[in-house]
Amino acid sequence: MSKIVPRIVPRIVPVILAGGSGSRLWPLSRRLLPKQFLPLAGRRTMIQETALRLRGLKNCGAPVVVANQEHRFLVAEQLKEVGIRPAAIIIEPAARNTAPAIAAAALVVSVSDPEALLLVLPSDHLVGRKAFQQDVAAAREAARGGSLATFGIRPTSPATGYGYIEVGERMAGAVHRIRRFVEKPGRARAKRFLASRRFLWNSGMFLFGARTYLSELHRHAPKIFTAARQAVMKASTDLDFVRLDRKAFAASPALSVDYAVMEKTRSGAVVRGRMRWSDVGSWSELWQVSARDAAGNAPRGDVSLRDARGNFVHAGSRHVSLLGVEGLVVVETDDAVLVAAKNRAQEVKEVVAQLDRQKRTEHVSHSRVYRPWGYYETVDEGARFQVKRLMVSPGQALSLQRHRKRAEHWVVVQGTARVTRGGKTMTVKENQSTYIPVGMKHRLANPGREPVYLVEVQSGDYLGEDDIERLEDRYNRS
């Protein structure tokens, strides 16, 4: 009697790509706090929803996240908030598009699990959870058989902002061979694609073996493979982060996984996805997936509408009223307001580019800036002074630092702080204050279990954030 050998099911390792900038959703999405870290469609942020979508997926491990340097602590903190500890957070030292990022993740994962299947997910898409898991199950068998599977979405309109995939012959169930990829078509062509029912939107999600992907990458884009391998071989660990070697990774061509591999491989497959999906690539797309009133308006915050139809309105910090207008996007924050025709929402990125050319800062950060120890927000500023409100999280501390061009005055308004001032450490309680002269070494810490709030008054001839000389830092910031 022959021995029955148990069927080995390869483990799925999710790879969450979190390096996007989301410039089309300005002024909510900004360089230091892009859309994947914002709660755009619910209580949780988009990266949190992406990670939680994986719960209940059979034989699925902890996610590997690929992010940039500026967002590494946001990734760690936001996943911690929903009870998820990533297997690794890989830091890209330069933006080189998705093919090198996935290669780095594949190389890191294959060290401990060479048979793993990588489930590659953008961190900023809205996806229906139940159908998503069903589609992953369909793609899993194809990936086990050596296919590089992607997920296609049935088009509901002749959209010109998405790439398309033409479906080939059926392989099994909902899985088909890929006949071809088509980059964003014009409207007339998109209408023909929609009518033919042979085309699907390209979702940018994939499932394939780590070794399979690396083999195909080596065949079709060897420079990317070599650069990623060198970057991983020379990588260093920093707290819970894996830092890719800067020089090696920057040498990689900047190509998407579609251009580098999927359009060239003979092993491509596409799942006819059943999931509800949106990449939330513009304000008009967010309007489409938002709850709307009888007049088609999607209001958020303190909003009043009169004789208004088909508008998206976000009031972040004050009241917003609309009267007698139609088809607008109105987004208000405490330091910027966007008013745009909804049918031109894709052009918001040009507004952001103009702000960048003008060397403004409204596209870089909000007035509230998050740090690994908490956050600060600018309250007021003028010639030779700046006022900030700081929140230091329980158990956290700013770096031991000094400033060459400014002095600081701290007033604790809630909680108890531990302040290092020169060679002395003192306790500063609510309604107490301390002064830090120019050039003095200092540190602010919260030893308690509740947040500490304080007001910081800066004075001097230069008040930029780059006037910080860190002498010691628990977060390993240079």
Foldseek 3Di string as FASTA:
>chain_A
DDDDDDDDQAAEEEEEEEADQLLLPPPVGFRLRGQLCDPLADDAGLLCVVQVLCPPQPRYDFYEYEYAPSCPLSVQVRNVVVPGDHPAYEHAPDQQAALLSLLLVLVVVCVPGQFYKYWYHYSQKDKDRPLVSVLVVVVSVLQNVLFKEFEFEQDPALDQQFKKWFFADADDDQKGATPAIGHRDDSVVSVVCNVVSRMTTGQLIIIHGSVSSLVQLCVQPVLSSQLSVQQQVPWDDAPRHTYGDNVSNVSGHRDYCCVRGVRPDRRYMYGHGPMDIDSCSWPLSSLVPADADPQSEREADQEAEECEHNEYAYDADDYYYDYNYYQWYWHDDPPDIDIDRNVCSNCSSVVVVVCVVVVHCSNHDDQWRADSQGIKGWDDDDQFKTKIKTKGAAFGKFFFKAFQFKKKKKAWQAAKKWKDWAPDIDIAHHRGIDIHDHPITMMIGHHDHGMIMIMMMMGGRDDDPVRIDGPGDPNPDD
